[in-house]
Each structure stands twice: as structure tokens, then as C-alpha cells.
């Protein structure tokens, strides 16, 4: 068995760590919630079943492509259900699944924390940046 260099051992350890992070349930959920439109879509669907066009109006900043992609990912995750009603034109509605509804209290808790503490985070960032800014020498 060949001996590994320290660089090879570090690379192997990095690879193993990345694999563990990718499998971590918490990281996977936070990764999904961290997507720009996910929280807004979930909160909008909390109000009840909604047509794609209504979601697009409510989330006017989201492009059609991004909204569709977000809804598909949420549907794939089992958080949103899509129902198609054959009519002219075809009616497509979205609603939270029970799994999606179970995520809302977590989302609301994060929202409350952010509302209470964003000023503290901003102040900490400003203080950090002030201490990291190169000072001119007189």
C-alpha cells in the first residue's frame, strides 16, 4: 500500500467532509430554504391554493422561469402540489402539501429572528468592516 502525502490526506479529508455535508439533512433543508424565492412562495401559498399567474403577480420580482423552476423544485421536494384542471385555457393550481405546511412554523421562526436581529447583524458587519479596512499611514 503506497504512502500518502499530507496533501493527498488533506484532499481526501476534504472530499469526505464535502460528502458528509451533502448528505446532512439540516444542510439540505437550509440549502432549499436559502433559495431566493422559496420562502416567498411558501408564505404566499400559506394563504391557500393559487394559480401560477396569481403567484407571478404576488411575486412580481421573480421571472417566469425562476418561479416555474422554484415551484418544480418544491413539488419535487414534496412541499407543493400541482394540480391541472383540463379547461380552455388549462388551469394550473399550486398548494402546500401537509409536509410543506409543517415547514411554515420553522420559516416563521426564522423570519421573526431575522426581523428582531437584522439591525444587530448589520451593525456587526459594519464594525467588522471598519476593523478590516486598511488604514492609510500618515
C-alpha atoms as a PDB file:
ATOM      1  CA  UNK A   1       0.000   0.000   0.000  1.00  0.00           C
ATOM      2  CA  UNK A   2       1.578   3.304  -1.106  1.00  0.00           C
ATOM      3  CA  UNK A   3       2.139   6.043   1.427  1.00  0.00           C
ATOM      4  CA  UNK A   4       0.031   9.187   1.004  1.00  0.00           C
ATOM      5  CA  UNK A   5       1.479  12.647   1.131  1.00  0.00           C
ATOM      6  CA  UNK A   6      -0.008  15.128   3.588  1.00  0.00           C
ATOM      7  CA  UNK A   7      -1.557  16.996   0.641  1.00  0.00           C
ATOM      8  CA  UNK A   8      -3.262  13.791  -0.507  1.00  0.00           C
ATOM      9  CA  UNK A   9      -4.550  13.121   3.006  1.00  0.00           C
ATOM     10  CA  UNK A  10      -5.926  16.668   3.259  1.00  0.00           C
ATOM     11  CA  UNK A  11      -7.634  16.335  -0.130  1.00  0.00           C
ATOM     12  CA  UNK A  12      -9.134  13.001   0.898  1.00  0.00           C
ATOM     13  CA  UNK A  13     -10.379  14.537   4.164  1.00  0.00           C
ATOM     14  CA  UNK A  14     -11.881  17.499   2.257  1.00  0.00           C
ATOM     15  CA  UNK A  15     -13.667  15.131  -0.111  1.00  0.00           C
ATOM     16  CA  UNK A  16     -15.064  13.066   2.790  1.00  0.00           C
ATOM     17  CA  UNK A  17     -16.231  16.236   4.566  1.00  0.00           C
ATOM     18  CA  UNK A  18     -17.970  17.570   1.434  1.00  0.00           C
ATOM     19  CA  UNK A  19     -19.741  14.220   1.009  1.00  0.00           C
ATOM     20  CA  UNK A  20     -20.932  14.311   4.635  1.00  0.00           C
ATOM     21  CA  UNK A  21     -22.161  17.912   4.252  1.00  0.00           C
ATOM     22  CA  UNK A  22     -24.056  16.979   1.083  1.00  0.00           C
ATOM     23  CA  UNK A  23     -25.874  14.217   2.998  1.00  0.00           C
ATOM     24  CA  UNK A  24     -26.617  16.303   6.113  1.00  0.00           C
ATOM     25  CA  UNK A  25     -30.413  16.761   6.432  1.00  0.00           C
ATOM     26  CA  UNK A  26     -30.074  20.191   8.030  1.00  0.00           C
ATOM     27  CA  UNK A  27     -27.795  21.486   5.283  1.00  0.00           C
ATOM     28  CA  UNK A  28     -30.092  20.090   2.620  1.00  0.00           C
ATOM     29  CA  UNK A  29     -33.161  21.837   4.071  1.00  0.00           C
ATOM     30  CA  UNK A  30     -31.313  25.099   4.711  1.00  0.00           C
ATOM     31  CA  UNK A  31     -29.989  24.958   1.161  1.00  0.00           C
ATOM     32  CA  UNK A  32     -33.566  24.703  -0.150  1.00  0.00           C
ATOM     33  CA  UNK A  33     -34.844  27.479   2.137  1.00  0.00           C
ATOM     34  CA  UNK A  34     -31.908  29.636   1.105  1.00  0.00           C
ATOM     35  CA  UNK A  35     -33.088  29.755  -2.490  1.00  0.00           C
ATOM     36  CA  UNK A  36     -34.209  33.302  -3.199  1.00  0.00           C
ATOM     37  CA  UNK A  37     -37.888  32.644  -3.972  1.00  0.00           C
ATOM     38  CA  UNK A  38     -38.663  29.578  -1.840  1.00  0.00           C
ATOM     39  CA  UNK A  39     -39.664  31.375   1.357  1.00  0.00           C
ATOM     40  CA  UNK A  40     -41.790  33.872  -0.543  1.00  0.00           C
ATOM     41  CA  UNK A  41     -43.578  31.121  -2.487  1.00  0.00           C
ATOM     42  CA  UNK A  42     -44.257  29.126   0.686  1.00  0.00           C
ATOM     43  CA  UNK A  43     -45.639  32.174   2.501  1.00  0.00           C
ATOM     44  CA  UNK A  44     -47.812  33.070  -0.498  1.00  0.00           C
ATOM     45  CA  UNK A  45     -49.184  29.512  -0.685  1.00  0.00           C
ATOM     46  CA  UNK A  46     -49.874  29.633   3.049  1.00  0.00           C
ATOM     47  CA  UNK A  47     -52.817  31.855   2.071  1.00  0.00           C
ATOM     48  CA  UNK A  48     -54.276  28.956   0.087  1.00  0.00           C
ATOM     49  CA  UNK A  49     -54.307  27.330  -3.330  1.00  0.00           C
ATOM     50  CA  UNK A  50     -53.071  29.664  -6.042  1.00  0.00           C
ATOM     51  CA  UNK A  51     -52.822  29.758  -9.801  1.00  0.00           C
ATOM     52  CA  UNK A  52     -49.438  30.260 -11.422  1.00  0.00           C
ATOM     53  CA  UNK A  53     -50.489  33.670 -12.750  1.00  0.00           C
ATOM     54  CA  UNK A  54     -51.574  34.789  -9.255  1.00  0.00           C
ATOM     55  CA  UNK A  55     -48.235  33.688  -7.804  1.00  0.00           C
ATOM     56  CA  UNK A  56     -46.446  35.557 -10.593  1.00  0.00           C
ATOM     57  CA  UNK A  57     -48.369  38.734  -9.727  1.00  0.00           C
ATOM     58  CA  UNK A  58     -47.721  38.335  -5.992  1.00  0.00           C
ATOM     59  CA  UNK A  59     -44.001  37.702  -6.610  1.00  0.00           C
ATOM     60  CA  UNK A  60     -43.538  40.303  -9.331  1.00  0.00           C
ATOM     61  CA  UNK A  61     -39.750  40.298  -8.954  1.00  0.00           C
ATOM     62  CA  UNK A  62     -39.484  36.648  -9.960  1.00  0.00           C
ATOM     63  CA  UNK A  63     -39.111  35.890 -13.633  1.00  0.00           C
ATOM     64  CA  UNK A  64     -41.471  33.316 -15.124  1.00  0.00           C
ATOM     65  CA  UNK A  65     -38.520  30.946 -15.484  1.00  0.00           C
ATOM     66  CA  UNK A  66     -37.428  31.339 -11.837  1.00  0.00           C
ATOM     67  CA  UNK A  67     -40.959  30.970 -10.487  1.00  0.00           C
ATOM     68  CA  UNK A  68     -41.556  27.839 -12.562  1.00  0.00           C
ATOM     69  CA  UNK A  69     -38.191  26.376 -11.517  1.00  0.00           C
ATOM     70  CA  UNK A  70     -38.869  27.138  -7.840  1.00  0.00           C
ATOM     71  CA  UNK A  71     -42.332  25.562  -7.995  1.00  0.00           C
ATOM     72  CA  UNK A  72     -40.951  22.453  -9.707  1.00  0.00           C
ATOM     73  CA  UNK A  73     -38.241  22.055  -7.071  1.00  0.00           C
ATOM     74  CA  UNK A  74     -40.772  22.499  -4.259  1.00  0.00           C
ATOM     75  CA  UNK A  75     -43.053  19.960  -5.948  1.00  0.00           C
ATOM     76  CA  UNK A  76     -40.121  17.534  -6.292  1.00  0.00           C
ATOM     77  CA  UNK A  77     -39.351  18.014  -2.581  1.00  0.00           C
ATOM     78  CA  UNK A  78     -42.963  17.178  -1.715  1.00  0.00           C
ATOM     79  CA  UNK A  79     -43.643  20.642  -0.276  1.00  0.00           C
ATOM     80  CA  UNK A  80     -46.017  21.827  -3.010  1.00  0.00           C
ATOM     81  CA  UNK A  81     -48.602  20.004  -5.081  1.00  0.00           C
ATOM     82  CA  UNK A  82     -49.508  20.968  -8.623  1.00  0.00           C
ATOM     83  CA  UNK A  83     -52.951  20.248  -9.968  1.00  0.00           C
ATOM     84  CA  UNK A  84     -54.047  20.639 -13.563  1.00  0.00           C
ATOM     85  CA  UNK A  85     -57.681  21.216 -14.460  1.00  0.00           C
ATOM     86  CA  UNK A  86     -58.388  20.497 -18.120  1.00  0.00           C
ATOM     87  CA  UNK A  87     -60.164  23.537 -19.466  1.00  0.00           C
ATOM     88  CA  UNK A  88     -59.564  26.189 -22.082  1.00  0.00           C
ATOM     89  CA  UNK A  89     -57.098  27.504 -21.170  1.00  0.00           C
ATOM     90  CA  UNK A  90     -55.713  24.796 -18.919  1.00  0.00           C
ATOM     91  CA  UNK A  91     -55.858  25.785 -15.238  1.00  0.00           C
ATOM     92  CA  UNK A  92     -52.795  25.005 -13.110  1.00  0.00           C
ATOM     93  CA  UNK A  93     -53.020  25.471  -9.346  1.00  0.00           C
ATOM     94  CA  UNK A  94     -50.421  25.098  -6.621  1.00  0.00           C
ATOM     95  CA  UNK A  95     -50.963  24.365  -2.946  1.00  0.00           C
ATOM     96  CA  UNK A  96     -48.879  23.410   0.047  1.00  0.00           C
ATOM     97  CA  UNK A  97     -48.795  19.745   0.939  1.00  0.00           C
ATOM     98  CA  UNK A  98     -49.022  18.703   4.590  1.00  0.00           C
ATOM     99  CA  UNK A  99     -45.225  18.433   4.518  1.00  0.00           C
ATOM    100  CA  UNK A 100     -44.988  21.987   3.177  1.00  0.00           C
ATOM    101  CA  UNK A 101     -47.397  23.228   5.843  1.00  0.00           C
ATOM    102  CA  UNK A 102     -45.246  21.577   8.512  1.00  0.00           C
ATOM    103  CA  UNK A 103     -42.312  23.735   7.391  1.00  0.00           C
ATOM    104  CA  UNK A 104     -44.167  27.031   7.920  1.00  0.00           C
ATOM    105  CA  UNK A 105     -43.560  27.307  11.694  1.00  0.00           C
ATOM    106  CA  UNK A 106     -39.819  26.954  11.056  1.00  0.00           C
ATOM    107  CA  UNK A 107     -39.958  29.616   8.358  1.00  0.00           C
ATOM    108  CA  UNK A 108     -41.938  31.935  10.652  1.00  0.00           C
ATOM    109  CA  UNK A 109     -39.403  31.431  13.455  1.00  0.00           C
ATOM    110  CA  UNK A 110     -36.526  32.348  11.144  1.00  0.00           C
ATOM    111  CA  UNK A 111     -38.491  35.382   9.929  1.00  0.00           C
ATOM    112  CA  UNK A 112     -39.124  36.580  13.494  1.00  0.00           C
ATOM    113  CA  UNK A 113     -35.456  36.101  14.405  1.00  0.00           C
ATOM    114  CA  UNK A 114     -34.333  37.991  11.292  1.00  0.00           C
ATOM    115  CA  UNK A 115     -36.731  40.859  11.951  1.00  0.00           C
ATOM    116  CA  UNK A 116     -35.548  41.169  15.551  1.00  0.00           C
ATOM    117  CA  UNK A 117     -31.839  40.842  14.858  1.00  0.00           C
ATOM    118  CA  UNK A 118     -31.057  42.160  11.370  1.00  0.00           C
ATOM    119  CA  UNK A 119     -30.009  45.534  12.808  1.00  0.00           C
ATOM    120  CA  UNK A 120     -27.562  43.705  15.099  1.00  0.00           C
ATOM    121  CA  UNK A 121     -26.185  41.728  12.157  1.00  0.00           C
ATOM    122  CA  UNK A 122     -25.811  44.909  10.090  1.00  0.00           C
ATOM    123  CA  UNK A 123     -24.038  46.685  12.985  1.00  0.00           C
ATOM    124  CA  UNK A 124     -21.682  43.727  13.478  1.00  0.00           C
ATOM    125  CA  UNK A 125     -20.840  43.716   9.770  1.00  0.00           C
ATOM    126  CA  UNK A 126     -20.129  47.452   9.780  1.00  0.00           C
ATOM    127  CA  UNK A 127     -17.884  47.085  12.847  1.00  0.00           C
ATOM    128  CA  UNK A 128     -16.058  44.157  11.286  1.00  0.00           C
ATOM    129  CA  UNK A 129     -15.571  46.026   8.012  1.00  0.00           C
ATOM    130  CA  UNK A 130     -14.262  49.120   9.853  1.00  0.00           C
ATOM    131  CA  UNK A 131     -11.672  46.968  11.628  1.00  0.00           C
ATOM    132  CA  UNK A 132     -10.654  45.260   8.379  1.00  0.00           C
ATOM    133  CA  UNK A 133     -10.358  48.399   6.252  1.00  0.00           C
ATOM    134  CA  UNK A 134      -6.720  49.210   5.505  1.00  0.00           C
ATOM    135  CA  UNK A 135      -5.747  52.445   7.194  1.00  0.00           C
ATOM    136  CA  UNK A 136      -3.616  54.972   5.428  1.00  0.00           C
ATOM    137  CA  UNK A 137      -0.274  55.785   7.061  1.00  0.00           C
ATOM    138  CA  UNK A 138       0.345  59.453   7.800  1.00  0.00           C
END
